[in-house]
Amino acid sequence: MNKIICNSIEFVFLNEIKLFIPGQQVLLHPGMEFKKLPVTEKPVYRSDIKNEPAGAVNDEIITAVTKYDEHSLLRKFISYPIVLRMKTDKETFYVGSQNYPVAVELSSNKIFDTYTFSCKSEA
C-alpha cells in the first residue's frame, strides 16, 4: 500500500471537463476551474492494487478534513462525480477519470467535515 501526505487537494465536477488525458492533463471547459478544498490538515492519499476475479484493481482513498461548512459547494453536490488534483512537494497528480470518477462520502460533527474520496479503476 502506498501512502502520500499531500499539500493540497482540488476538485472539479466531471461535467466541467473538456478533455482528460490520463496521467498527463485535464482541460476544462471555458470558465471552469479546479476548486480548492480548504483543508485544516494535510490530506492523506492511499492506494493499493488488489487482485480481484475480474483482474487487478487500483483502489485509491483520500481523506481530507475541513471546517464545518453547511454551504460548501462539494457538500451541496456531493453525489456528483468528480476528479481530484492532488499536490505534493514533488508532483501534481490526478485521482479519478471520466471512466472512473471519484465518489465522495461526508461525515460531520458540526465542527469539522471529514471527506472520504474513493476511486476504483483498472490497474
N, C-alpha and C. Protein backbone atom coordinates (compact mmCIF):
# COMPACT_ATOMS: atom_id res chain seq x y z
N MET A 1 0.84 -1.18 0.00
CA MET A 1 0.00 0.00 0.00
C MET A 1 0.89 1.24 0.00
N ASN A 2 0.55 2.19 -0.86
CA ASN A 2 1.24 3.48 -0.90
C ASN A 2 0.50 4.48 -0.04
N LYS A 3 1.24 5.34 0.64
CA LYS A 3 0.63 6.41 1.43
C LYS A 3 1.40 7.69 1.14
N ILE A 4 0.69 8.75 0.77
CA ILE A 4 1.32 10.02 0.44
C ILE A 4 0.61 11.13 1.21
N ILE A 5 1.38 11.98 1.86
CA ILE A 5 0.82 13.16 2.52
C ILE A 5 0.85 14.28 1.48
N CYS A 6 -0.29 14.88 1.22
CA CYS A 6 -0.39 15.89 0.17
C CYS A 6 -0.45 17.30 0.77
N ASN A 7 -0.03 18.27 -0.01
CA ASN A 7 -0.09 19.67 0.42
C ASN A 7 -1.45 20.28 0.18
N SER A 8 -2.09 19.88 -0.91
CA SER A 8 -3.40 20.46 -1.22
C SER A 8 -4.22 19.48 -2.04
N ILE A 9 -5.51 19.76 -2.05
CA ILE A 9 -6.46 18.94 -2.81
C ILE A 9 -7.45 19.89 -3.48
N GLU A 10 -7.67 19.65 -4.77
CA GLU A 10 -8.63 20.43 -5.54
C GLU A 10 -9.55 19.47 -6.27
N PHE A 11 -10.74 19.93 -6.60
CA PHE A 11 -11.68 19.07 -7.30
C PHE A 11 -12.34 19.82 -8.44
N VAL A 12 -12.84 19.04 -9.39
CA VAL A 12 -13.62 19.58 -10.49
C VAL A 12 -14.72 18.56 -10.78
N PHE A 13 -15.90 19.06 -11.09
CA PHE A 13 -17.00 18.16 -11.44
C PHE A 13 -16.77 17.60 -12.83
N LEU A 14 -17.17 16.36 -13.03
CA LEU A 14 -16.92 15.66 -14.29
C LEU A 14 -17.48 16.42 -15.49
N ASN A 15 -18.64 17.06 -15.34
CA ASN A 15 -19.24 17.76 -16.48
C ASN A 15 -18.50 19.05 -16.83
N GLU A 16 -17.51 19.46 -16.03
CA GLU A 16 -16.71 20.64 -16.32
C GLU A 16 -15.45 20.31 -17.12
N ILE A 17 -15.21 19.02 -17.33
CA ILE A 17 -14.00 18.57 -18.03
C ILE A 17 -14.27 18.49 -19.53
N LYS A 18 -13.40 19.13 -20.29
CA LYS A 18 -13.49 19.09 -21.75
C LYS A 18 -12.69 17.91 -22.30
N LEU A 19 -11.47 17.71 -21.78
CA LEU A 19 -10.59 16.65 -22.26
C LEU A 19 -9.75 16.15 -21.10
N PHE A 20 -9.69 14.83 -20.98
CA PHE A 20 -8.89 14.22 -19.91
C PHE A 20 -7.90 13.26 -20.55
N ILE A 21 -6.61 13.51 -20.34
CA ILE A 21 -5.57 12.62 -20.81
C ILE A 21 -4.97 11.99 -19.56
N PRO A 22 -5.30 10.72 -19.29
CA PRO A 22 -4.89 10.08 -18.03
C PRO A 22 -3.40 10.24 -17.73
N GLY A 23 -3.13 10.66 -16.49
CA GLY A 23 -1.76 10.81 -16.03
C GLY A 23 -1.03 12.02 -16.57
N GLN A 24 -1.69 12.81 -17.42
CA GLN A 24 -0.98 13.92 -18.05
C GLN A 24 -1.66 15.27 -17.86
N GLN A 25 -2.93 15.36 -18.26
CA GLN A 25 -3.54 16.67 -18.35
C GLN A 25 -5.05 16.60 -18.25
N VAL A 26 -5.62 17.63 -17.66
CA VAL A 26 -7.07 17.79 -17.62
C VAL A 26 -7.38 19.18 -18.16
N LEU A 27 -8.09 19.24 -19.28
CA LEU A 27 -8.51 20.51 -19.86
C LEU A 27 -9.98 20.73 -19.51
N LEU A 28 -10.27 21.92 -18.99
CA LEU A 28 -11.63 22.24 -18.57
C LEU A 28 -12.34 23.08 -19.62
N HIS A 29 -13.66 23.05 -19.58
CA HIS A 29 -14.46 23.91 -20.45
C HIS A 29 -14.18 25.37 -20.08
N PRO A 30 -14.35 26.30 -21.03
CA PRO A 30 -14.09 27.72 -20.75
C PRO A 30 -14.87 28.19 -19.52
N GLY A 31 -14.19 28.94 -18.67
CA GLY A 31 -14.81 29.50 -17.47
C GLY A 31 -14.81 28.56 -16.27
N MET A 32 -14.44 27.30 -16.47
CA MET A 32 -14.41 26.34 -15.37
C MET A 32 -13.01 26.32 -14.76
N GLU A 33 -12.93 25.98 -13.49
CA GLU A 33 -11.62 25.88 -12.83
C GLU A 33 -11.69 24.88 -11.68
N PHE A 34 -10.53 24.37 -11.30
CA PHE A 34 -10.46 23.49 -10.14
C PHE A 34 -10.80 24.31 -8.90
N LYS A 35 -11.51 23.69 -7.97
CA LYS A 35 -11.91 24.34 -6.74
C LYS A 35 -11.08 23.76 -5.60
N LYS A 36 -10.44 24.63 -4.84
CA LYS A 36 -9.58 24.18 -3.74
C LYS A 36 -10.45 23.81 -2.54
N LEU A 37 -10.16 22.67 -1.95
CA LEU A 37 -10.83 22.25 -0.74
C LEU A 37 -10.04 22.83 0.43
N PRO A 38 -10.65 23.69 1.25
CA PRO A 38 -9.92 24.37 2.34
C PRO A 38 -9.67 23.45 3.53
N VAL A 39 -8.66 22.62 3.44
CA VAL A 39 -8.39 21.61 4.46
C VAL A 39 -7.75 22.23 5.71
N THR A 40 -8.01 21.59 6.86
CA THR A 40 -7.43 22.04 8.12
C THR A 40 -6.15 21.27 8.45
N GLU A 41 -5.94 20.16 7.78
CA GLU A 41 -4.71 19.37 7.92
C GLU A 41 -4.41 18.75 6.57
N LYS A 42 -3.19 18.33 6.38
CA LYS A 42 -2.79 17.81 5.07
C LYS A 42 -3.57 16.54 4.72
N PRO A 43 -4.12 16.49 3.49
CA PRO A 43 -4.86 15.29 3.06
C PRO A 43 -3.92 14.09 2.94
N VAL A 44 -4.47 12.91 3.18
CA VAL A 44 -3.70 11.67 3.09
C VAL A 44 -4.25 10.83 1.94
N TYR A 45 -3.36 10.47 1.02
CA TYR A 45 -3.70 9.65 -0.14
C TYR A 45 -3.16 8.24 0.09
N ARG A 46 -4.01 7.25 -0.14
CA ARG A 46 -3.58 5.85 -0.03
C ARG A 46 -4.02 5.12 -1.30
N SER A 47 -3.15 4.24 -1.77
CA SER A 47 -3.53 3.42 -2.92
C SER A 47 -3.03 2.00 -2.71
N ASP A 48 -3.77 1.07 -3.26
CA ASP A 48 -3.43 -0.34 -3.13
C ASP A 48 -3.95 -1.06 -4.37
N ILE A 49 -3.16 -1.96 -4.90
CA ILE A 49 -3.60 -2.77 -6.04
C ILE A 49 -4.05 -4.12 -5.50
N LYS A 50 -5.28 -4.47 -5.81
CA LYS A 50 -5.86 -5.73 -5.33
C LYS A 50 -6.16 -6.62 -6.52
N ASN A 51 -5.92 -7.90 -6.35
CA ASN A 51 -6.26 -8.86 -7.39
C ASN A 51 -7.67 -9.38 -7.15
N GLU A 52 -8.56 -9.04 -8.06
CA GLU A 52 -9.96 -9.45 -7.99
C GLU A 52 -10.18 -10.53 -9.05
N PRO A 53 -11.29 -11.27 -8.98
CA PRO A 53 -11.57 -12.29 -10.01
C PRO A 53 -11.59 -11.73 -11.43
N ALA A 54 -12.00 -10.46 -11.58
CA ALA A 54 -12.07 -9.86 -12.91
C ALA A 54 -10.75 -9.23 -13.34
N GLY A 55 -9.75 -9.24 -12.46
CA GLY A 55 -8.46 -8.64 -12.79
C GLY A 55 -7.98 -7.71 -11.68
N ALA A 56 -6.82 -7.09 -11.90
CA ALA A 56 -6.23 -6.20 -10.90
C ALA A 56 -7.00 -4.88 -10.84
N VAL A 57 -7.23 -4.42 -9.61
CA VAL A 57 -7.97 -3.18 -9.37
C VAL A 57 -7.12 -2.24 -8.53
N ASN A 58 -7.01 -0.99 -8.97
CA ASN A 58 -6.33 0.04 -8.20
C ASN A 58 -7.37 0.71 -7.31
N ASP A 59 -7.19 0.59 -6.00
CA ASP A 59 -8.13 1.14 -5.02
C ASP A 59 -7.47 2.36 -4.38
N GLU A 60 -8.02 3.56 -4.63
CA GLU A 60 -7.45 4.80 -4.11
C GLU A 60 -8.42 5.43 -3.11
N ILE A 61 -7.89 5.88 -1.98
CA ILE A 61 -8.70 6.52 -0.95
C ILE A 61 -7.96 7.75 -0.45
N ILE A 62 -8.67 8.86 -0.35
CA ILE A 62 -8.11 10.11 0.16
C ILE A 62 -9.01 10.58 1.29
N THR A 63 -8.39 11.02 2.37
CA THR A 63 -9.13 11.57 3.49
C THR A 63 -8.72 13.03 3.66
N ALA A 64 -9.72 13.91 3.78
CA ALA A 64 -9.46 15.34 3.96
C ALA A 64 -10.43 15.91 4.99
N VAL A 65 -9.90 16.75 5.87
CA VAL A 65 -10.72 17.37 6.92
C VAL A 65 -10.79 18.87 6.68
N THR A 66 -12.00 19.42 6.74
CA THR A 66 -12.22 20.86 6.60
C THR A 66 -13.04 21.34 7.79
N LYS A 67 -13.11 22.66 7.97
CA LYS A 67 -14.03 23.20 8.96
C LYS A 67 -15.44 22.95 8.47
N TYR A 68 -16.36 22.79 9.40
CA TYR A 68 -17.76 22.56 9.04
C TYR A 68 -18.27 23.75 8.22
N ASP A 69 -18.91 23.45 7.10
CA ASP A 69 -19.49 24.49 6.25
C ASP A 69 -20.73 23.92 5.58
N GLU A 70 -21.88 24.31 6.10
CA GLU A 70 -23.12 23.76 5.54
C GLU A 70 -23.40 24.26 4.13
N HIS A 71 -22.69 25.30 3.69
CA HIS A 71 -22.92 25.86 2.35
C HIS A 71 -21.81 25.48 1.37
N SER A 72 -20.96 24.57 1.75
CA SER A 72 -19.86 24.14 0.89
C SER A 72 -20.39 23.62 -0.44
N LEU A 73 -19.73 24.00 -1.52
CA LEU A 73 -20.13 23.56 -2.86
C LEU A 73 -20.06 22.04 -2.98
N LEU A 74 -19.02 21.45 -2.43
CA LEU A 74 -18.88 19.99 -2.51
C LEU A 74 -19.97 19.29 -1.69
N ARG A 75 -20.30 19.83 -0.55
CA ARG A 75 -21.38 19.26 0.27
C ARG A 75 -22.71 19.33 -0.49
N LYS A 76 -22.94 20.45 -1.13
CA LYS A 76 -24.19 20.67 -1.86
C LYS A 76 -24.38 19.68 -3.01
N PHE A 77 -23.28 19.36 -3.69
CA PHE A 77 -23.33 18.49 -4.86
C PHE A 77 -22.52 17.21 -4.64
N ILE A 78 -22.63 16.65 -3.46
CA ILE A 78 -21.80 15.52 -3.05
C ILE A 78 -22.01 14.27 -3.92
N SER A 79 -23.18 14.14 -4.52
CA SER A 79 -23.44 12.94 -5.33
C SER A 79 -22.92 13.08 -6.77
N TYR A 80 -22.43 14.26 -7.14
CA TYR A 80 -21.90 14.47 -8.48
C TYR A 80 -20.51 13.84 -8.60
N PRO A 81 -20.22 13.18 -9.72
CA PRO A 81 -18.88 12.60 -9.91
C PRO A 81 -17.83 13.69 -10.09
N ILE A 82 -16.64 13.46 -9.53
CA ILE A 82 -15.57 14.45 -9.59
C ILE A 82 -14.24 13.80 -9.96
N VAL A 83 -13.26 14.65 -10.27
CA VAL A 83 -11.87 14.28 -10.44
C VAL A 83 -11.08 15.17 -9.49
N LEU A 84 -10.08 14.60 -8.82
CA LEU A 84 -9.26 15.34 -7.87
C LEU A 84 -7.90 15.67 -8.47
N ARG A 85 -7.36 16.81 -8.08
CA ARG A 85 -5.98 17.17 -8.39
C ARG A 85 -5.26 17.29 -7.05
N MET A 86 -4.26 16.44 -6.87
CA MET A 86 -3.50 16.39 -5.62
C MET A 86 -2.11 16.97 -5.86
N LYS A 87 -1.61 17.72 -4.87
CA LYS A 87 -0.27 18.30 -5.00
C LYS A 87 0.58 17.92 -3.79
N THR A 88 1.81 17.50 -4.09
CA THR A 88 2.81 17.24 -3.05
C THR A 88 3.97 18.21 -3.30
N ASP A 89 5.03 18.07 -2.52
CA ASP A 89 6.20 18.92 -2.74
C ASP A 89 6.86 18.64 -4.09
N LYS A 90 6.70 17.40 -4.59
CA LYS A 90 7.42 16.98 -5.79
C LYS A 90 6.57 16.83 -7.04
N GLU A 91 5.26 16.66 -6.87
CA GLU A 91 4.46 16.37 -8.06
C GLU A 91 3.01 16.80 -7.90
N THR A 92 2.34 16.84 -9.03
CA THR A 92 0.89 17.02 -9.09
C THR A 92 0.34 15.80 -9.80
N PHE A 93 -0.71 15.21 -9.23
CA PHE A 93 -1.30 14.03 -9.87
C PHE A 93 -2.82 14.08 -9.72
N TYR A 94 -3.47 13.31 -10.56
CA TYR A 94 -4.94 13.28 -10.59
C TYR A 94 -5.45 11.96 -10.06
N VAL A 95 -6.59 12.02 -9.41
CA VAL A 95 -7.29 10.83 -8.94
C VAL A 95 -8.66 10.85 -9.59
N GLY A 96 -9.01 9.74 -10.23
CA GLY A 96 -10.27 9.66 -10.95
C GLY A 96 -10.08 9.99 -12.42
N SER A 97 -11.10 9.69 -13.19
CA SER A 97 -11.09 9.96 -14.63
C SER A 97 -12.54 10.00 -15.10
N GLN A 98 -12.71 10.23 -16.39
CA GLN A 98 -14.07 10.24 -16.93
C GLN A 98 -14.70 8.85 -16.86
N ASN A 99 -13.90 7.81 -17.00
CA ASN A 99 -14.42 6.44 -16.91
C ASN A 99 -14.54 5.94 -15.48
N TYR A 100 -13.68 6.45 -14.61
CA TYR A 100 -13.65 6.01 -13.20
C TYR A 100 -13.63 7.24 -12.29
N PRO A 101 -14.76 7.94 -12.16
CA PRO A 101 -14.78 9.15 -11.33
C PRO A 101 -14.66 8.82 -9.84
N VAL A 102 -14.37 9.85 -9.08
CA VAL A 102 -14.22 9.73 -7.63
C VAL A 102 -15.59 9.84 -6.97
N ALA A 103 -15.83 8.96 -6.01
CA ALA A 103 -17.05 9.02 -5.19
C ALA A 103 -16.69 9.71 -3.87
N VAL A 104 -17.65 10.44 -3.31
CA VAL A 104 -17.40 11.22 -2.09
C VAL A 104 -18.35 10.79 -0.98
N GLU A 105 -17.80 10.62 0.21
CA GLU A 105 -18.60 10.39 1.41
C GLU A 105 -18.24 11.50 2.40
N LEU A 106 -19.22 11.92 3.18
CA LEU A 106 -19.01 13.01 4.13
C LEU A 106 -19.50 12.60 5.51
N SER A 107 -18.67 12.85 6.50
CA SER A 107 -19.12 12.72 7.89
C SER A 107 -18.83 14.05 8.57
N SER A 108 -19.71 14.45 9.47
CA SER A 108 -19.60 15.77 10.08
C SER A 108 -20.00 15.72 11.54
N ASN A 109 -19.37 16.58 12.33
CA ASN A 109 -19.76 16.70 13.73
C ASN A 109 -20.11 18.13 14.10
N LYS A 110 -20.44 18.95 13.10
CA LYS A 110 -20.80 20.36 13.25
C LYS A 110 -19.60 21.24 13.62
N ILE A 111 -18.42 20.65 13.73
CA ILE A 111 -17.18 21.41 13.92
C ILE A 111 -16.28 21.20 12.71
N PHE A 112 -16.14 19.92 12.33
CA PHE A 112 -15.33 19.56 11.17
C PHE A 112 -16.13 18.68 10.22
N ASP A 113 -15.80 18.79 8.94
CA ASP A 113 -16.31 17.89 7.91
C ASP A 113 -15.15 16.99 7.50
N THR A 114 -15.39 15.70 7.48
CA THR A 114 -14.37 14.76 7.01
C THR A 114 -14.85 14.15 5.70
N TYR A 115 -14.12 14.44 4.63
CA TYR A 115 -14.44 13.92 3.31
C TYR A 115 -13.58 12.69 3.05
N THR A 116 -14.22 11.64 2.58
CA THR A 116 -13.51 10.44 2.14
C THR A 116 -13.78 10.27 0.66
N PHE A 117 -12.73 10.36 -0.13
CA PHE A 117 -12.82 10.23 -1.57
C PHE A 117 -12.33 8.84 -1.94
N SER A 118 -13.07 8.15 -2.79
CA SER A 118 -12.63 6.81 -3.21
C SER A 118 -12.79 6.64 -4.71
N CYS A 119 -11.87 5.89 -5.27
CA CYS A 119 -11.88 5.63 -6.70
C CYS A 119 -11.30 4.24 -6.94
N LYS A 120 -12.03 3.44 -7.69
CA LYS A 120 -11.55 2.12 -8.10
C LYS A 120 -11.41 2.13 -9.62
N SER A 121 -10.27 1.66 -10.10
CA SER A 121 -10.04 1.63 -11.54
C SER A 121 -9.20 0.41 -11.89
N GLU A 122 -9.12 0.13 -13.18
CA GLU A 122 -8.27 -0.97 -13.64
C GLU A 122 -6.82 -0.64 -13.33
N ALA A 123 -6.09 -1.65 -12.88
CA ALA A 123 -4.67 -1.43 -12.56
C ALA A 123 -3.80 -1.73 -13.76
